[in-house]
PDB file of N, CA and C in Angstrom:
ATOM      1  N   UNK A   1      84.411  60.107  64.966  1.00  0.00           N
ATOM      2  CA  UNK A   1      83.358  60.945  65.500  1.00  0.00           C
ATOM      3  C   UNK A   1      82.024  60.363  65.063  1.00  0.00           C
ATOM      4  N   UNK A   2      81.127  60.303  65.960  1.00  0.00           N
ATOM      5  CA  UNK A   2      79.794  59.805  65.675  1.00  0.00           C
ATOM      6  C   UNK A   2      79.000  60.842  64.881  1.00  0.00           C
ATOM      7  N   UNK A   3      78.053  60.355  64.111  1.00  0.00           N
ATOM      8  CA  UNK A   3      77.218  61.247  63.302  1.00  0.00           C
ATOM      9  C   UNK A   3      76.460  62.214  64.200  1.00  0.00           C
ATOM     10  N   UNK A   4      75.961  61.702  65.293  1.00  0.00           N
ATOM     11  CA  UNK A   4      75.167  62.542  66.207  1.00  0.00           C
ATOM     12  C   UNK A   4      76.002  63.697  66.753  1.00  0.00           C
ATOM     13  N   UNK A   5      77.247  63.422  67.116  1.00  0.00           N
ATOM     14  CA  UNK A   5      78.137  64.457  67.647  1.00  0.00           C
ATOM     15  C   UNK A   5      78.444  65.502  66.579  1.00  0.00           C
ATOM     16  N   UNK A   6      78.721  65.027  65.364  1.00  0.00           N
ATOM     17  CA  UNK A   6      79.032  65.943  64.266  1.00  0.00           C
ATOM     18  C   UNK A   6      77.832  66.819  63.932  1.00  0.00           C
ATOM     19  N   UNK A   7      76.649  66.241  63.960  1.00  0.00           N
ATOM     20  CA  UNK A   7      75.424  66.984  63.664  1.00  0.00           C
ATOM     21  C   UNK A   7      75.223  68.106  64.673  1.00  0.00           C
ATOM     22  N   UNK A   8      75.450  67.815  65.922  1.00  0.00           N
ATOM     23  CA  UNK A   8      75.282  68.834  66.960  1.00  0.00           C
ATOM     24  C   UNK A   8      76.303  69.959  66.815  1.00  0.00           C
ATOM     25  N   UNK A   9      77.530  69.617  66.406  1.00  0.00           N
ATOM     26  CA  UNK A   9      78.569  70.635  66.230  1.00  0.00           C
ATOM     27  C   UNK A   9      78.262  71.547  65.042  1.00  0.00           C
ATOM     28  N   UNK A  10      77.835  70.941  63.942  1.00  0.00           N
ATOM     29  CA  UNK A  10      77.619  71.699  62.706  1.00  0.00           C
ATOM     30  C   UNK A  10      76.267  72.390  62.703  1.00  0.00           C
ATOM     31  N   UNK A  11      75.276  71.765  63.286  1.00  0.00           N
ATOM     32  CA  UNK A  11      73.956  72.375  63.348  1.00  0.00           C
ATOM     33  C   UNK A  11      73.073  72.059  62.162  1.00  0.00           C
ATOM     34  N   UNK A  12      73.199  70.845  61.604  1.00  0.00           N
ATOM     35  CA  UNK A  12      72.320  70.418  60.517  1.00  0.00           C
ATOM     36  C   UNK A  12      71.526  69.208  60.983  1.00  0.00           C
ATOM     37  N   UNK A  13      70.524  68.862  60.217  1.00  0.00           N
ATOM     38  CA  UNK A  13      69.719  67.693  60.557  1.00  0.00           C
ATOM     39  C   UNK A  13      70.535  66.422  60.334  1.00  0.00           C
ATOM     40  N   UNK A  14      70.194  65.409  61.095  1.00  0.00           N
ATOM     41  CA  UNK A  14      70.925  64.146  60.996  1.00  0.00           C
ATOM     42  C   UNK A  14      70.736  63.503  59.623  1.00  0.00           C
ATOM     43  N   UNK A  15      69.541  63.608  59.070  1.00  0.00           N
ATOM     44  CA  UNK A  15      69.286  63.022  57.749  1.00  0.00           C
ATOM     45  C   UNK A  15      70.116  63.718  56.671  1.00  0.00           C
ATOM     46  N   UNK A  16      70.312  65.025  56.815  1.00  0.00           N
ATOM     47  CA  UNK A  16      71.143  65.773  55.866  1.00  0.00           C
ATOM     48  C   UNK A  16      72.585  65.308  55.948  1.00  0.00           C
ATOM     49  N   UNK A  17      73.080  65.141  57.166  1.00  0.00           N
ATOM     50  CA  UNK A  17      74.458  64.684  57.357  1.00  0.00           C
ATOM     51  C   UNK A  17      74.654  63.293  56.780  1.00  0.00           C
ATOM     52  N   UNK A  18      73.671  62.425  56.991  1.00  0.00           N
ATOM     53  CA  UNK A  18      73.775  61.072  56.434  1.00  0.00           C
ATOM     54  C   UNK A  18      73.752  61.109  54.902  1.00  0.00           C
ATOM     55  N   UNK A  19      72.955  61.981  54.311  1.00  0.00           N
ATOM     56  CA  UNK A  19      72.914  62.121  52.849  1.00  0.00           C
ATOM     57  C   UNK A  19      74.248  62.636  52.324  1.00  0.00           C
ATOM     58  N   UNK A  20      74.843  63.604  53.027  1.00  0.00           N
ATOM     59  CA  UNK A  20      76.155  64.111  52.624  1.00  0.00           C
ATOM     60  C   UNK A  20      77.196  63.002  52.687  1.00  0.00           C
ATOM     61  N   UNK A  21      77.151  62.212  53.761  1.00  0.00           N
ATOM     62  CA  UNK A  21      78.122  61.127  53.920  1.00  0.00           C
ATOM     63  C   UNK A  21      77.943  60.086  52.820  1.00  0.00           C
ATOM     64  N   UNK A  22      76.709  59.753  52.498  1.00  0.00           N
ATOM     65  CA  UNK A  22      76.428  58.783  51.443  1.00  0.00           C
ATOM     66  C   UNK A  22      76.950  59.287  50.097  1.00  0.00           C
ATOM     67  N   UNK A  23      76.740  60.571  49.823  1.00  0.00           N
ATOM     68  CA  UNK A  23      77.225  61.178  48.591  1.00  0.00           C
ATOM     69  C   UNK A  23      78.754  61.170  48.552  1.00  0.00           C
ATOM     70  N   UNK A  24      79.385  61.473  49.672  1.00  0.00           N
ATOM     71  CA  UNK A  24      80.848  61.459  49.768  1.00  0.00           C
ATOM     72  C   UNK A  24      81.383  60.055  49.501  1.00  0.00           C
ATOM     73  N   UNK A  25      80.788  59.058  50.113  1.00  0.00           N
ATOM     74  CA  UNK A  25      81.215  57.673  49.915  1.00  0.00           C
ATOM     75  C   UNK A  25      81.057  57.259  48.452  1.00  0.00           C
ATOM     76  N   UNK A  26      79.970  57.677  47.847  1.00  0.00           N
ATOM     77  CA  UNK A  26      79.691  57.320  46.457  1.00  0.00           C
ATOM     78  C   UNK A  26      80.738  57.918  45.516  1.00  0.00           C
ATOM     79  N   UNK A  27      81.131  59.164  45.780  1.00  0.00           N
ATOM     80  CA  UNK A  27      82.085  59.839  44.901  1.00  0.00           C
ATOM     81  C   UNK A  27      83.520  59.380  45.123  1.00  0.00           C
ATOM     82  N   UNK A  28      83.872  58.994  46.326  1.00  0.00           N
ATOM     83  CA  UNK A  28      85.262  58.627  46.608  1.00  0.00           C
ATOM     84  C   UNK A  28      85.541  57.153  46.380  1.00  0.00           C
ATOM     85  N   UNK A  29      84.545  56.309  46.387  1.00  0.00           N
ATOM     86  CA  UNK A  29      84.752  54.879  46.176  1.00  0.00           C
ATOM     87  C   UNK A  29      84.477  54.502  44.729  1.00  0.00           C
ATOM     88  N   UNK A  30      85.175  55.133  43.813  1.00  0.00           N
ATOM     89  CA  UNK A  30      84.990  54.839  42.398  1.00  0.00           C
ATOM     90  C   UNK A  30      86.118  53.952  41.905  1.00  0.00           C
ATOM     91  N   UNK A  31      85.899  53.347  40.770  1.00  0.00           N
ATOM     92  CA  UNK A  31      86.930  52.503  40.182  1.00  0.00           C
ATOM     93  C   UNK A  31      88.028  53.385  39.615  1.00  0.00           C
ATOM     94  N   UNK A  32      89.226  52.867  39.636  1.00  0.00           N
ATOM     95  CA  UNK A  32      90.352  53.603  39.062  1.00  0.00           C
ATOM     96  C   UNK A  32      90.352  53.380  37.557  1.00  0.00           C
ATOM     97  N   UNK A  33      89.897  54.365  36.858  1.00  0.00           N
ATOM     98  CA  UNK A  33      89.813  54.302  35.410  1.00  0.00           C
ATOM     99  C   UNK A  33      91.071  54.917  34.822  1.00  0.00           C
ATOM    100  N   UNK A  34      91.605  54.357  33.742  1.00  0.00           N
ATOM    101  CA  UNK A  34      92.809  54.943  33.150  1.00  0.00           C
ATOM    102  C   UNK A  34      92.551  56.361  32.647  1.00  0.00           C
ATOM    103  N   UNK A  35      93.618  57.153  32.626  1.00  0.00           N
ATOM    104  CA  UNK A  35      93.493  58.529  32.163  1.00  0.00           C
ATOM    105  C   UNK A  35      93.073  58.559  30.701  1.00  0.00           C
ATOM    106  N   UNK A  36      92.381  59.595  30.343  1.00  0.00           N
ATOM    107  CA  UNK A  36      91.906  59.752  28.976  1.00  0.00           C
ATOM    108  C   UNK A  36      93.083  59.920  28.022  1.00  0.00           C
ATOM    109  N   UNK A  37      92.957  59.327  26.844  1.00  0.00           N
ATOM    110  CA  UNK A  37      93.991  59.478  25.829  1.00  0.00           C
ATOM    111  C   UNK A  37      93.929  60.853  25.182  1.00  0.00           C
ATOM    112  N   UNK A  38      92.777  61.484  25.245  1.00  0.00           N
ATOM    113  CA  UNK A  38      92.606  62.769  24.582  1.00  0.00           C
ATOM    114  C   UNK A  38      93.117  63.895  25.470  1.00  0.00           C
ATOM    115  N   UNK A  39      94.133  64.569  24.996  1.00  0.00           N
ATOM    116  CA  UNK A  39      94.720  65.692  25.720  1.00  0.00           C
ATOM    117  C   UNK A  39      94.133  66.998  25.183  1.00  0.00           C
ATOM    118  N   UNK A  40      94.683  68.104  25.646  1.00  0.00           N
ATOM    119  CA  UNK A  40      94.146  69.423  25.284  1.00  0.00           C
ATOM    120  C   UNK A  40      94.218  69.682  23.775  1.00  0.00           C
ATOM    121  N   UNK A  41      95.306  69.258  23.121  1.00  0.00           N
ATOM    122  CA  UNK A  41      95.418  69.489  21.670  1.00  0.00           C
ATOM    123  C   UNK A  41      94.389  68.660  20.901  1.00  0.00           C
ATOM    124  N   UNK A  42      94.047  67.483  21.409  1.00  0.00           N
ATOM    125  CA  UNK A  42      93.012  66.675  20.768  1.00  0.00           C
ATOM    126  C   UNK A  42      91.647  67.349  20.905  1.00  0.00           C
ATOM    127  N   UNK A  43      91.393  67.896  22.081  1.00  0.00           N
ATOM    128  CA  UNK A  43      90.120  68.582  22.319  1.00  0.00           C
ATOM    129  C   UNK A  43      89.990  69.805  21.421  1.00  0.00           C
ATOM    130  N   UNK A  44      91.087  70.551  21.263  1.00  0.00           N
ATOM    131  CA  UNK A  44      91.074  71.719  20.374  1.00  0.00           C
ATOM    132  C   UNK A  44      90.782  71.295  18.942  1.00  0.00           C
ATOM    133  N   UNK A  45      91.373  70.186  18.522  1.00  0.00           N
ATOM    134  CA  UNK A  45      91.144  69.672  17.171  1.00  0.00           C
ATOM    135  C   UNK A  45      89.667  69.322  16.975  1.00  0.00           C
ATOM    136  N   UNK A  46      89.056  68.704  17.978  1.00  0.00           N
ATOM    137  CA  UNK A  46      87.634  68.353  17.884  1.00  0.00           C
ATOM    138  C   UNK A  46      86.755  69.598  17.810  1.00  0.00           C
ATOM    139  N   UNK A  47      87.065  70.585  18.619  1.00  0.00           N
ATOM    140  CA  UNK A  47      86.273  71.818  18.616  1.00  0.00           C
ATOM    141  C   UNK A  47      86.394  72.522  17.272  1.00  0.00           C
ATOM    142  N   UNK A  48      87.608  72.566  16.710  1.00  0.00           N
ATOM    143  CA  UNK A  48      87.803  73.185  15.393  1.00  0.00           C
ATOM    144  C   UNK A  48      87.045  72.413  14.315  1.00  0.00           C
ATOM    145  N   UNK A  49      87.064  71.080  14.403  1.00  0.00           N
ATOM    146  CA  UNK A  49      86.350  70.257  13.425  1.00  0.00           C
ATOM    147  C   UNK A  49      84.866  70.586  13.426  1.00  0.00           C
ATOM    148  N   UNK A  50      84.268  70.669  14.608  1.00  0.00           N
ATOM    149  CA  UNK A  50      82.830  70.928  14.685  1.00  0.00           C
ATOM    150  C   UNK A  50      82.486  72.401  14.487  1.00  0.00           C
ATOM    151  N   UNK A  51      83.456  73.299  14.651  1.00  0.00           N
ATOM    152  CA  UNK A  51      83.220  74.697  14.286  1.00  0.00           C
ATOM    153  C   UNK A  51      83.148  74.836  12.772  1.00  0.00           C
ATOM    154  N   UNK A  52      84.008  74.090  12.066  1.00  0.00           N
ATOM    155  CA  UNK A  52      84.040  74.155  10.604  1.00  0.00           C
ATOM    156  C   UNK A  52      82.897  73.364   9.970  1.00  0.00           C
ATOM    157  N   UNK A  53      82.584  72.209  10.538  1.00  0.00           N
ATOM    158  CA  UNK A  53      81.577  71.329   9.951  1.00  0.00           C
ATOM    159  C   UNK A  53      80.648  70.842  11.059  1.00  0.00           C
ATOM    160  N   UNK A  54      79.547  71.522  11.241  1.00  0.00           N
ATOM    161  CA  UNK A  54      78.633  71.174  12.338  1.00  0.00           C
ATOM    162  C   UNK A  54      77.880  69.871  12.093  1.00  0.00           C
ATOM    163  N   UNK A  55      77.869  69.393  10.862  1.00  0.00           N
ATOM    164  CA  UNK A  55      77.144  68.164  10.544  1.00  0.00           C
ATOM    165  C   UNK A  55      78.040  66.930  10.547  1.00  0.00           C
ATOM    166  N   UNK A  56      79.261  67.046  11.030  1.00  0.00           N
ATOM    167  CA  UNK A  56      80.191  65.917  11.037  1.00  0.00           C
ATOM    168  C   UNK A  56      79.734  64.854  12.031  1.00  0.00           C
ATOM    169  N   UNK A  57      79.973  63.614  11.667  1.00  0.00           N
ATOM    170  CA  UNK A  57      79.636  62.488  12.537  1.00  0.00           C
ATOM    171  C   UNK A  57      80.783  62.228  13.509  1.00  0.00           C
ATOM    172  N   UNK A  58      80.511  61.435  14.525  1.00  0.00           N
ATOM    173  CA  UNK A  58      81.555  61.084  15.487  1.00  0.00           C
ATOM    174  C   UNK A  58      82.628  60.253  14.797  1.00  0.00           C
ATOM    175  N   UNK A  59      82.230  59.413  13.860  1.00  0.00           N
ATOM    176  CA  UNK A  59      83.205  58.610  13.118  1.00  0.00           C
ATOM    177  C   UNK A  59      84.160  59.516  12.344  1.00  0.00           C
ATOM    178  N   UNK A  60      83.662  60.641  11.822  1.00  0.00           N
ATOM    179  CA  UNK A  60      84.525  61.609  11.147  1.00  0.00           C
ATOM    180  C   UNK A  60      85.544  62.181  12.123  1.00  0.00           C
ATOM    181  N   UNK A  61      85.115  62.442  13.340  1.00  0.00           N
ATOM    182  CA  UNK A  61      86.022  62.974  14.357  1.00  0.00           C
ATOM    183  C   UNK A  61      87.106  61.965  14.697  1.00  0.00           C
ATOM    184  N   UNK A  62      86.735  60.692  14.787  1.00  0.00           N
ATOM    185  CA  UNK A  62      87.723  59.645  15.069  1.00  0.00           C
ATOM    186  C   UNK A  62      88.748  59.584  13.948  1.00  0.00           C
ATOM    187  N   UNK A  63      88.286  59.650  12.705  1.00  0.00           N
ATOM    188  CA  UNK A  63      89.194  59.596  11.558  1.00  0.00           C
ATOM    189  C   UNK A  63      90.129  60.794  11.531  1.00  0.00           C
ATOM    190  N   UNK A  64      89.602  61.986  11.806  1.00  0.00           N
ATOM    191  CA  UNK A  64      90.439  63.187  11.820  1.00  0.00           C
ATOM    192  C   UNK A  64      91.510  63.070  12.898  1.00  0.00           C
ATOM    193  N   UNK A  65      91.124  62.611  14.073  1.00  0.00           N
ATOM    194  CA  UNK A  65      92.088  62.478  15.167  1.00  0.00           C
ATOM    195  C   UNK A  65      93.167  61.452  14.850  1.00  0.00           C
ATOM    196  N   UNK A  66      92.782  60.298  14.315  1.00  0.00           N
ATOM    197  CA  UNK A  66      93.780  59.262  14.026  1.00  0.00           C
ATOM    198  C   UNK A  66      94.680  59.658  12.864  1.00  0.00           C
ATOM    199  N   UNK A  67      94.167  60.449  11.918  1.00  0.00           N
ATOM    200  CA  UNK A  67      95.007  60.916  10.811  1.00  0.00           C
ATOM    201  C   UNK A  67      95.956  62.024  11.248  1.00  0.00           C
ATOM    202  N   UNK A  68      95.476  62.923  12.083  1.00  0.00           N
ATOM    203  CA  UNK A  68      96.275  64.080  12.491  1.00  0.00           C
ATOM    204  C   UNK A  68      97.317  63.723  13.547  1.00  0.00           C
ATOM    205  N   UNK A  69      96.971  62.822  14.459  1.00  0.00           N
ATOM    206  CA  UNK A  69      97.875  62.447  15.540  1.00  0.00           C
ATOM    207  C   UNK A  69      98.291  60.993  15.344  1.00  0.00           C
ATOM    208  N   UNK A  70      99.523  60.801  14.879  1.00  0.00           N
ATOM    209  CA  UNK A  70     100.029  59.454  14.609  1.00  0.00           C
ATOM    210  C   UNK A  70     100.135  58.664  15.911  1.00  0.00           C
ATOM    211  N   UNK A  71      99.737  57.414  15.855  1.00  0.00           N
ATOM    212  CA  UNK A  71      99.838  56.539  17.017  1.00  0.00           C
ATOM    213  C   UNK A  71      98.649  56.593  17.953  1.00  0.00           C
ATOM    214  N   UNK A  72      97.686  57.437  17.671  1.00  0.00           N
ATOM    215  CA  UNK A  72      96.508  57.536  18.529  1.00  0.00           C
ATOM    216  C   UNK A  72      95.480  56.504  18.081  1.00  0.00           C
ATOM    217  N   UNK A  73      95.131  55.604  18.978  1.00  0.00           N
ATOM    218  CA  UNK A  73      94.084  54.622  18.712  1.00  0.00           C
ATOM    219  C   UNK A  73      92.994  54.839  19.743  1.00  0.00           C
ATOM    220  N   UNK A  74      91.836  55.246  19.279  1.00  0.00           N
ATOM    221  CA  UNK A  74      90.744  55.553  20.201  1.00  0.00           C
ATOM    222  C   UNK A  74      89.432  55.104  19.594  1.00  0.00           C
ATOM    223  N   UNK A  75      88.529  54.686  20.453  1.00  0.00           N
ATOM    224  CA  UNK A  75      87.224  54.212  19.995  1.00  0.00           C
ATOM    225  C   UNK A  75      86.241  55.369  19.893  1.00  0.00           C
ATOM    226  N   UNK A  76      85.210  55.114  19.120  1.00  0.00           N
ATOM    227  CA  UNK A  76      84.173  56.122  18.894  1.00  0.00           C
ATOM    228  C   UNK A  76      83.479  56.511  20.196  1.00  0.00           C
ATOM    229  N   UNK A  77      83.270  55.549  21.073  1.00  0.00           N
ATOM    230  CA  UNK A  77      82.573  55.834  22.332  1.00  0.00           C
ATOM    231  C   UNK A  77      83.389  56.765  23.223  1.00  0.00           C
ATOM    232  N   UNK A  78      84.712  56.626  23.233  1.00  0.00           N
ATOM    233  CA  UNK A  78      85.565  57.495  24.047  1.00  0.00           C
ATOM    234  C   UNK A  78      85.604  58.911  23.480  1.00  0.00           C
ATOM    235  N   UNK A  79      85.589  59.022  22.158  1.00  0.00           N
ATOM    236  CA  UNK A  79      85.566  60.348  21.536  1.00  0.00           C
ATOM    237  C   UNK A  79      84.247  61.037  21.867  1.00  0.00           C
ATOM    238  N   UNK A  80      83.143  60.309  21.774  1.00  0.00           N
ATOM    239  CA  UNK A  80      81.832  60.879  22.096  1.00  0.00           C
ATOM    240  C   UNK A  80      81.785  61.325  23.551  1.00  0.00           C
ATOM    241  N   UNK A  81      82.292  60.487  24.448  1.00  0.00           N
ATOM    242  CA  UNK A  81      82.295  60.822  25.876  1.00  0.00           C
ATOM    243  C   UNK A  81      83.128  62.072  26.146  1.00  0.00           C
ATOM    244  N   UNK A  82      84.277  62.167  25.507  1.00  0.00           N
ATOM    245  CA  UNK A  82      85.148  63.326  25.701  1.00  0.00           C
ATOM    246  C   UNK A  82      84.514  64.596  25.153  1.00  0.00           C
ATOM    247  N   UNK A  83      83.873  64.494  23.989  1.00  0.00           N
ATOM    248  CA  UNK A  83      83.226  65.673  23.412  1.00  0.00           C
ATOM    249  C   UNK A  83      82.074  66.136  24.289  1.00  0.00           C
ATOM    250  N   UNK A  84      81.333  65.198  24.836  1.00  0.00           N
ATOM    251  CA  UNK A  84      80.188  65.534  25.675  1.00  0.00           C
ATOM    252  C   UNK A  84      80.628  66.116  27.019  1.00  0.00           C
ATOM    253  N   UNK A  85      81.613  65.487  27.658  1.00  0.00           N
ATOM    254  CA  UNK A  85      81.993  65.876  29.014  1.00  0.00           C
ATOM    255  C   UNK A  85      83.014  67.007  29.069  1.00  0.00           C
ATOM    256  N   UNK A  86      83.973  67.016  28.162  1.00  0.00           N
ATOM    257  CA  UNK A  86      85.079  67.971  28.253  1.00  0.00           C
ATOM    258  C   UNK A  86      84.973  69.145  27.297  1.00  0.00           C
ATOM    259  N   UNK A  87      84.379  68.927  26.142  1.00  0.00           N
ATOM    260  CA  UNK A  87      84.298  69.993  25.139  1.00  0.00           C
ATOM    261  C   UNK A  87      82.948  70.701  25.149  1.00  0.00           C
ATOM    262  N   UNK A  88      82.019  70.226  25.931  1.00  0.00           N
ATOM    263  CA  UNK A  88      80.668  70.795  26.017  1.00  0.00           C
ATOM    264  C   UNK A  88      79.956  70.812  24.667  1.00  0.00           C
ATOM    265  N   UNK A  89      80.157  69.763  23.886  1.00  0.00           N
ATOM    266  CA  UNK A  89      79.456  69.615  22.618  1.00  0.00           C
ATOM    267  C   UNK A  89      78.275  68.678  22.839  1.00  0.00           C
ATOM    268  N   UNK A  90      77.135  69.020  22.281  1.00  0.00           N
ATOM    269  CA  UNK A  90      75.958  68.174  22.427  1.00  0.00           C
ATOM    270  C   UNK A  90      75.549  67.643  21.065  1.00  0.00           C
ATOM    271  N   UNK A  91      74.830  66.557  21.073  1.00  0.00           N
ATOM    272  CA  UNK A  91      74.418  65.912  19.836  1.00  0.00           C
ATOM    273  C   UNK A  91      72.923  65.695  19.853  1.00  0.00           C
ATOM    274  N   UNK A  92      72.319  65.922  18.731  1.00  0.00           N
ATOM    275  CA  UNK A  92      70.880  65.742  18.591  1.00  0.00           C
ATOM    276  C   UNK A  92      70.633  64.584  17.634  1.00  0.00           C
ATOM    277  N   UNK A  93      69.632  63.786  17.947  1.00  0.00           N
ATOM    278  CA  UNK A  93      69.255  62.697  17.060  1.00  0.00           C
ATOM    279  C   UNK A  93      68.109  63.164  16.181  1.00  0.00           C
ATOM    280  N   UNK A  94      68.211  62.884  14.911  1.00  0.00           N
ATOM    281  CA  UNK A  94      67.143  63.242  13.986  1.00  0.00           C
ATOM    282  C   UNK A  94      65.989  62.263  14.156  1.00  0.00           C
ATOM    283  N   UNK A  95      64.789  62.783  14.174  1.00  0.00           N
ATOM    284  CA  UNK A  95      63.597  61.952  14.283  1.00  0.00           C
ATOM    285  C   UNK A  95      62.825  62.078  12.979  1.00  0.00           C
ATOM    286  N   UNK A  96      62.639  60.960  12.330  1.00  0.00           N
ATOM    287  CA  UNK A  96      61.950  60.963  11.053  1.00  0.00           C
ATOM    288  C   UNK A  96      60.538  60.430  11.243  1.00  0.00           C
ATOM    289  N   UNK A  97      59.564  61.140  10.695  1.00  0.00           N
ATOM    290  CA  UNK A  97      58.168  60.746  10.785  1.00  0.00           C
ATOM    291  C   UNK A  97      57.712  60.203   9.444  1.00  0.00           C
ATOM    292  N   UNK A  98      56.750  59.308   9.485  1.00  0.00           N
ATOM    293  CA  UNK A  98      56.216  58.758   8.245  1.00  0.00           C
ATOM    294  C   UNK A  98      55.422  59.838   7.514  1.00  0.00           C
ATOM    295  N   UNK A  99      55.226  59.625   6.222  1.00  0.00           N
ATOM    296  CA  UNK A  99      54.487  60.610   5.422  1.00  0.00           C
ATOM    297  C   UNK A  99      53.055  60.762   5.912  1.00  0.00           C
ATOM    298  N   UNK A 100      52.446  59.661   6.317  1.00  0.00           N
ATOM    299  CA  UNK A 100      51.056  59.715   6.782  1.00  0.00           C
ATOM    300  C   UNK A 100      50.943  60.569   8.039  1.00  0.00           C
ATOM    301  N   UNK A 101      51.912  60.487   8.903  1.00  0.00           N
ATOM    302  CA  UNK A 101      51.854  61.263  10.138  1.00  0.00           C
ATOM    303  C   UNK A 101      52.083  62.749   9.873  1.00  0.00           C
ATOM    304  N   UNK A 102      52.911  63.054   8.884  1.00  0.00           N
ATOM    305  CA  UNK A 102      53.240  64.444   8.607  1.00  0.00           C
ATOM    306  C   UNK A 102      52.336  65.075   7.550  1.00  0.00           C
ATOM    307  N   UNK A 103      51.313  64.367   7.097  1.00  0.00           N
ATOM    308  CA  UNK A 103      50.444  64.924   6.059  1.00  0.00           C
ATOM    309  C   UNK A 103      49.581  66.044   6.634  1.00  0.00           C
ATOM    310  N   UNK A 104      49.173  66.952   5.770  1.00  0.00           N
ATOM    311  CA  UNK A 104      48.369  68.093   6.216  1.00  0.00           C
ATOM    312  C   UNK A 104      47.006  67.632   6.750  1.00  0.00           C
ATOM    313  N   UNK A 105      46.462  66.551   6.183  1.00  0.00           N
ATOM    314  CA  UNK A 105      45.178  66.024   6.658  1.00  0.00           C
ATOM    315  C   UNK A 105      45.291  65.562   8.115  1.00  0.00           C
ATOM    316  N   UNK A 106      46.339  64.813   8.436  1.00  0.00           N
ATOM    317  CA  UNK A 106      46.528  64.294   9.796  1.00  0.00           C
ATOM    318  C   UNK A 106      46.787  65.424  10.777  1.00  0.00           C
ATOM    319  N   UNK A 107      47.557  66.390  10.372  1.00  0.00           N
ATOM    320  CA  UNK A 107      47.855  67.522  11.257  1.00  0.00           C
ATOM    321  C   UNK A 107      46.587  68.314  11.537  1.00  0.00           C
ATOM    322  N   UNK A 108      45.777  68.555  10.502  1.00  0.00           N
ATOM    323  CA  UNK A 108      44.524  69.288  10.686  1.00  0.00           C
ATOM    324  C   UNK A 108      43.569  68.506  11.584  1.00  0.00           C
ATOM    325  N   UNK A 109      43.590  67.185  11.463  1.00  0.00           N
ATOM    326  CA  UNK A 109      42.736  66.326  12.272  1.00  0.00           C
ATOM    327  C   UNK A 109      43.093  66.451  13.760  1.00  0.00           C
ATOM    328  N   UNK A 110      44.361  66.641  14.068  1.00  0.00           N
ATOM    329  CA  UNK A 110      44.795  66.819  15.458  1.00  0.00           C
ATOM    330  C   UNK A 110      44.236  68.109  16.048  1.00  0.00           C
ATOM    331  N   UNK A 111      44.129  69.146  15.237  1.00  0.00           N
ATOM    332  CA  UNK A 111      43.652  70.435  15.730  1.00  0.00           C
ATOM    333  C   UNK A 111      42.128  70.506  15.832  1.00  0.00           C
ATOM    334  N   UNK A 112      41.430  69.647  15.110  1.00  0.00           N
ATOM    335  CA  UNK A 112      39.952  69.655  15.130  1.00  0.00           C
ATOM    336  C   UNK A 112      39.388  68.904  16.301  1.00  0.00           C
TER     337      UNK A 112
END
């Protein structure tokens, strides 16, 4: 079916239909990536770890998983990706400022 014919049947603009088609092509033509090694019990373990210790590093999570589940070999990047995408855990980076920038004189100077 031609785009023009489909547009007339559905009643949307042609540019909208082309954008939908482009989005469809983008989502369906992906590389076949292997299934994640982390299953539901691994995700539960990660959530429990961060519920108990909110300051734990990703490396700590990798160590807990490899110790608790024998035979599991996983990289830090995959654990981070799984926590971010599947467990809805977010991570904040600490930003450290120099003493001169955080001094009361410099802060007061910004307000004046």
